[in-house]
Each structure stands twice: as structure tokens, then as C-alpha cells.
Amino acid sequence: MIAVSRDVLTKTFRVLRTCGGGARECVAYWTGAADNDFVDCVEHPLHSSSEGGYNVEDRWLTEFWTSLGQSRRSIKAQIHSHPAAAFHSATDDDWPIVSQCGFVSIVIPNFALGAVSLDNAWIGRLRADGKWEQLPLATDVLMLS
């Protein structure tokens, strides 16, 4: 179970909206100390994007992984926006930032321009067989405080 404050959720939506501008996908990562499941930061990677996808800059990603290791932090979930309905695309399935069983992926519909809520989001967890399991409720993996 990942613990996320309303402030982190609100900041995540702000990042997705500002970056995407209602016309492009955007991505963010929820991070926290490696020894617990509390999210205390929203990381916004350098990336290129379009209406139908995004690509995180390689150099930024290398530096990010190094920074996480040095500070004993981990990525708890990846979050990105889609132009219309929320779903996990084949690219989303094949290229998560973390490919460890239990990792959480969240897709926010309508370029995150709706209510600050996970009610219409696609939320999934990576299974041991490498397939994504869509979860019916955010509360299946997230505890909002």
C-alpha cells in the first residue's frame, strides 16, 4: 500500500496540467524513502511529449537513478496523462520506469484537466508474470491522507 497525501496528488495534477498544456501527455514519478511506502515528492522528468506519448530524456534518467541510490529513495509509482480515456497502452505495458512485481502505474484521463481525483484514472499493478493488473479502486494500492 502506498501512502499519498492530498497535497502530493494536487501537486501531481498541477505538474501534468502545466507541462501538458491540455495538448500533450506528461509524466511524473512519486518518490519516497526506500525503507517505507510513503510518497513525499513528485518528480517531473525532462521529457519530450506529444498528444500520444512521451519520452524521458536519457541523461536525466541516468542522473535520477544515481540520485535515488545516493539518497536511499525509490520510485513508488509512475503517473502520466492521456488525451481522452485513461488506459494502459502497449507502450505503457512494455516500458515502465520500474519493472518489479507490485510496481504501480496510474494514467490520468483528459490531460489531467478534470477534478483532482483518481476516480476516472486507470490504476494498475505489475504482476510477477510481467503483466499489468488493472485495479478497480485506487484504494486497492493507495492510501490517500
Protein backbone atom coordinates (compact mmCIF):
# COMPACT_ATOMS: atom_id res chain seq x y z
CA MET A 1 0.00 0.00 0.00
CA ILE A 2 1.37 3.41 -0.99
CA ALA A 3 0.55 6.36 1.29
CA VAL A 4 -0.03 9.62 -0.61
CA SER A 5 -1.11 12.97 0.78
CA ARG A 6 -3.74 15.12 -0.91
CA ASP A 7 -1.01 17.76 -1.32
CA VAL A 8 1.11 15.36 -3.40
CA LEU A 9 -1.92 14.44 -5.51
CA THR A 10 -2.73 18.12 -6.07
CA LYS A 11 0.87 18.91 -6.99
CA THR A 12 0.90 15.96 -9.41
CA PHE A 13 -2.15 17.29 -11.24
CA ARG A 14 -0.58 20.77 -11.35
CA VAL A 15 2.58 19.34 -12.94
CA LEU A 16 0.63 17.29 -15.51
CA ARG A 17 -1.58 20.26 -16.43
CA THR A 18 1.20 22.83 -16.65
CA CYS A 19 3.54 20.64 -18.66
CA GLY A 20 0.92 19.14 -20.95
CA GLY A 21 -0.97 22.36 -21.52
CA GLY A 22 -4.12 20.41 -22.38
CA ALA A 23 -2.46 19.21 -25.60
CA ARG A 24 0.37 16.81 -24.69
CA GLU A 25 0.94 13.88 -22.39
CA CYS A 26 3.06 14.45 -19.31
CA VAL A 27 4.73 12.12 -16.83
CA ALA A 28 5.67 12.30 -13.16
CA TYR A 29 7.06 9.91 -10.58
CA TRP A 30 6.08 9.59 -6.94
CA THR A 31 9.12 9.01 -4.73
CA GLY A 32 9.91 8.49 -1.10
CA ALA A 33 12.39 6.91 1.28
CA ALA A 34 13.32 3.39 0.16
CA ASP A 35 12.54 1.89 3.57
CA ASN A 36 8.82 2.75 3.61
CA ASP A 37 5.81 3.24 1.32
CA PHE A 38 5.19 6.94 1.99
CA VAL A 39 5.26 9.26 -1.04
CA ASP A 40 6.75 12.65 -0.17
CA CYS A 41 7.82 14.03 -3.55
CA VAL A 42 6.62 14.43 -7.12
CA GLU A 43 9.48 14.20 -9.63
CA HIS A 44 8.89 15.74 -13.05
CA PRO A 45 11.42 14.34 -15.53
CA LEU A 46 12.85 16.15 -18.50
CA HIS A 47 10.96 14.68 -21.42
CA SER A 48 9.60 15.33 -24.85
CA SER A 49 5.93 14.74 -25.46
CA SER A 50 3.07 14.83 -27.91
CA GLU A 51 -0.65 14.21 -27.81
CA GLY A 52 0.03 10.48 -27.98
CA GLY A 53 3.12 9.84 -25.88
CA TYR A 54 6.22 10.98 -24.06
CA ASN A 55 9.90 10.11 -23.97
CA VAL A 56 12.05 10.72 -20.87
CA GLU A 57 15.49 12.17 -21.60
CA ASP A 58 18.20 9.52 -21.17
CA ARG A 59 20.70 11.75 -19.37
CA TRP A 60 18.08 12.96 -16.90
CA LEU A 61 17.07 9.36 -16.22
CA THR A 62 20.65 8.26 -15.54
CA GLU A 63 21.20 11.16 -13.14
CA PHE A 64 17.84 10.46 -11.46
CA TRP A 65 18.70 6.81 -10.80
CA THR A 66 22.06 7.84 -9.36
CA SER A 67 20.41 10.44 -7.13
CA LEU A 68 17.83 7.93 -5.88
CA GLY A 69 20.55 5.45 -4.94
CA GLN A 70 22.70 8.01 -3.18
CA SER A 71 19.77 9.36 -1.16
CA ARG A 72 18.27 5.93 -0.44
CA ARG A 73 15.00 6.78 -2.16
CA SER A 74 12.79 4.82 -4.52
CA ILE A 75 10.07 5.36 -7.10
CA LYS A 76 6.72 4.33 -5.65
CA ALA A 77 4.57 4.92 -8.76
CA GLN A 78 4.60 6.38 -12.25
CA ILE A 79 1.81 8.73 -13.28
CA HIS A 80 1.08 10.11 -16.72
CA SER A 81 -1.75 11.74 -18.60
CA HIS A 82 -3.65 10.65 -21.70
CA PRO A 83 -5.64 12.85 -24.10
CA ALA A 84 -9.01 11.18 -23.54
CA ALA A 85 -9.87 7.97 -21.69
CA ALA A 86 -7.39 6.52 -19.23
CA PHE A 87 -5.95 3.14 -20.22
CA HIS A 88 -2.59 1.38 -20.26
CA SER A 89 -1.24 1.34 -23.80
CA ALA A 90 1.13 -1.29 -25.20
CA THR A 91 3.98 1.21 -24.71
CA ASP A 92 2.89 1.73 -21.08
CA ASP A 93 2.83 -2.05 -20.61
CA ASP A 94 6.27 -2.60 -22.12
CA TRP A 95 8.25 0.37 -20.75
CA PRO A 96 7.50 1.13 -17.09
CA ILE A 97 10.23 3.01 -15.25
CA VAL A 98 10.31 0.12 -12.74
CA SER A 99 9.66 -3.46 -13.82
CA GLN A 100 9.42 -5.00 -10.36
CA CYS A 101 6.40 -7.00 -9.24
CA GLY A 102 3.97 -4.76 -7.35
CA PHE A 103 5.00 -1.52 -9.06
CA VAL A 104 2.09 0.90 -9.55
CA SER A 105 1.18 2.78 -12.73
CA ILE A 106 -1.51 5.45 -12.90
CA VAL A 107 -2.94 7.03 -16.05
CA ILE A 108 -4.98 10.22 -15.70
CA PRO A 109 -7.54 10.98 -18.45
CA ASN A 110 -8.14 14.22 -20.36
CA PHE A 111 -4.60 15.58 -19.87
CA ALA A 112 -5.41 15.81 -16.11
CA LEU A 113 -7.73 18.77 -16.73
CA GLY A 114 -10.60 17.32 -14.71
CA ALA A 115 -11.09 17.17 -10.96
CA VAL A 116 -8.07 16.40 -8.79
CA SER A 117 -9.14 12.82 -8.26
CA LEU A 118 -8.22 9.27 -9.16
CA ASP A 119 -11.86 8.30 -9.73
CA ASN A 120 -11.51 8.09 -13.52
CA ALA A 121 -7.86 7.07 -13.59
CA TRP A 122 -6.52 3.76 -14.81
CA ILE A 123 -4.61 2.23 -11.91
CA GLY A 124 -2.60 -0.92 -12.27
CA ARG A 125 -0.06 -3.07 -10.51
CA LEU A 126 2.65 -5.12 -12.20
CA ARG A 127 2.26 -8.85 -11.56
CA ALA A 128 5.07 -11.39 -11.14
CA ASP A 129 4.48 -12.63 -14.72
CA GLY A 130 5.20 -9.15 -16.12
CA LYS A 131 1.56 -8.40 -16.98
CA TRP A 132 -0.35 -5.42 -15.66
CA GLU A 133 -3.40 -5.96 -13.48
CA GLN A 134 -5.95 -3.16 -13.63
CA LEU A 135 -7.30 -2.44 -10.17
CA PRO A 136 -10.94 -1.49 -9.68
CA LEU A 137 -10.27 1.07 -6.95
CA ALA A 138 -7.41 3.42 -6.09
CA THR A 139 -7.76 2.25 -2.51
CA ASP A 140 -6.53 -1.20 -3.60
CA VAL A 141 -2.97 0.23 -3.68
CA LEU A 142 -3.18 3.81 -2.41
CA MET A 143 -3.99 5.31 0.93
CA LEU A 144 -4.87 8.99 0.49
CA SER A 145 -4.40 11.17 3.53
